Amino acid sequence: MSADSWLVILAIGAVVGWLTGLFLRGSGYGILGNIVVGLLGAVIGSWLFRAFGLSLPIGNALIERVIIALIGAFLLMFVISLLRPRSLRERATGLWRRARS
């Protein structure tokens, strides 16, 4: 792989991680965190799509990869949020916010 390919992969990872952070947290995870979340999301999304024989016939390979990476990153963050221990204060605050809205 050339240096340009690595730069594109890192850029897509950063964008996907940033978008995931915006949707699920309300903010990003920092540049390194965004790249890690995006790259792991791309790996998980690609594996899941191959395992289930799914495809996205959009016509643009780059957009297909970004969408698959987003799906994988959302799944990754969802599983992490289920496994992450939360304090009683965080749980109570979350309940209070949901009750008020």
Foldseek 3Di string as FASTA:
>chain_A
DDPVVVVVLQVLQLVLQQVLCCVPPVGGDPRVSSNVLLNQLLVQLVVVCVVVVHADPPPDPVVRSSVSSNVSSNVVVVVCVVVDDDDPVVVVVVVVVVVVD
